[in-house]
Protein backbone atom coordinates (compact mmCIF):
# COMPACT_ATOMS: atom_id res chain seq x y z
CA MET A 1 -27.07 -143.23 -26.98
CA LYS A 2 -30.77 -143.75 -27.66
CA ILE A 3 -31.57 -145.41 -30.98
CA GLU A 4 -34.86 -144.47 -32.61
CA TRP A 5 -36.64 -146.55 -35.25
CA THR A 6 -37.84 -143.84 -37.63
CA LYS A 7 -40.56 -143.62 -40.26
CA LEU A 8 -37.88 -143.89 -42.97
CA ASP A 9 -36.45 -147.02 -41.33
CA SER A 10 -39.95 -148.46 -41.20
CA GLU A 11 -40.59 -147.69 -44.87
CA GLN A 12 -37.34 -149.37 -45.93
CA ALA A 13 -38.08 -152.45 -43.82
CA ASN A 14 -41.63 -152.68 -45.16
CA ARG A 15 -40.27 -152.84 -48.71
CA GLU A 16 -38.52 -156.06 -47.64
CA GLY A 17 -41.58 -157.49 -45.90
CA TRP A 18 -40.65 -156.93 -42.24
CA ASN A 19 -40.50 -154.26 -39.56
CA VAL A 20 -39.77 -153.49 -35.92
CA TYR A 21 -43.04 -153.58 -34.01
CA ASN A 22 -44.05 -152.46 -30.55
CA ALA A 23 -45.78 -155.53 -29.10
CA ILE A 24 -46.61 -154.02 -25.72
CA GLY A 25 -47.26 -156.65 -23.09
CA SER A 26 -45.90 -159.59 -25.07
CA ASP A 27 -44.11 -162.27 -23.08
CA ASN A 28 -41.34 -162.02 -25.70
CA GLY A 29 -40.65 -158.33 -25.06
CA ASP A 30 -42.23 -155.08 -26.14
CA TRP A 31 -40.08 -154.55 -29.24
CA GLN A 32 -39.89 -157.31 -31.84
CA VAL A 33 -38.73 -157.85 -35.41
CA GLN A 34 -41.56 -159.52 -37.29
CA ARG A 35 -42.64 -160.17 -40.83
CA ASN A 36 -45.33 -157.85 -42.14
CA ASP A 37 -48.29 -160.24 -42.18
CA ASP A 38 -50.34 -157.98 -44.50
CA GLN A 39 -47.68 -158.13 -47.22
CA ASN A 40 -47.16 -161.89 -46.99
CA MET A 41 -43.68 -161.52 -48.55
CA LEU A 42 -41.93 -163.65 -45.93
CA SER A 43 -42.91 -167.06 -44.62
CA ASP A 44 -42.34 -166.24 -40.94
CA ASP A 45 -40.58 -163.95 -38.47
CA GLY A 46 -37.43 -166.06 -38.71
CA GLU A 47 -37.05 -164.97 -42.31
CA ALA A 48 -37.20 -161.35 -41.16
CA TRP A 49 -34.54 -162.12 -38.56
CA LEU A 50 -32.29 -163.57 -41.26
CA ILE A 51 -32.64 -160.43 -43.34
CA ILE A 52 -31.36 -158.18 -40.58
CA ALA A 53 -28.79 -160.64 -39.25
CA ASN A 54 -27.21 -161.03 -42.70
CA GLY A 55 -28.07 -157.64 -44.17
CA ASN A 56 -25.60 -154.88 -44.84
CA LYS A 57 -27.94 -151.93 -45.42
CA PRO A 58 -28.08 -149.17 -42.82
CA HIS A 59 -31.62 -150.08 -41.71
CA HIS A 60 -30.53 -153.70 -41.13
CA LYS A 61 -27.69 -152.58 -38.88
CA LYS A 62 -29.95 -150.07 -37.15
CA ALA A 63 -32.61 -152.73 -36.50
CA LEU A 64 -29.98 -154.92 -34.83
CA ALA A 65 -28.71 -152.02 -32.72
CA PHE A 66 -32.28 -151.08 -31.80
CA MET A 67 -33.06 -154.64 -30.74
CA LYS A 68 -29.85 -154.87 -28.73
CA ALA A 69 -30.88 -151.75 -26.83
CA ASN A 70 -34.57 -152.63 -26.43
CA ASN A 71 -34.97 -156.44 -26.43
CA LYS A 72 -31.69 -158.24 -25.76
CA THR A 73 -33.38 -161.64 -25.63
CA GLU A 74 -34.69 -161.31 -29.19
CA TYR A 75 -31.43 -159.70 -30.30
CA ASN A 76 -29.54 -162.79 -29.13
CA LEU A 77 -32.05 -165.10 -30.81
CA ILE A 78 -31.66 -163.19 -34.08
CA LEU A 79 -27.88 -163.56 -33.99
CA ASN A 80 -27.91 -167.22 -32.95
CA GLN A 81 -30.31 -168.77 -35.44
CA ASP A 82 -29.52 -172.26 -36.65
């Protein structure tokens, strides 16, 4: 099953100061959960990771599922934060 990150998902994430971004060519994978730097609501990407790792809203769960399907390395990092 292919999971798509939709415009609605993006809008909901942006309200919390983060989003799923396509970082094509990055050494850390093409798809990444990052803070929205323009909003400056979160201190760093780790804070965005905590939101989705601990969140219970549908877009939190969908972001995790999307990352599991598209960037397993980052997915594992998100789940295993200290």
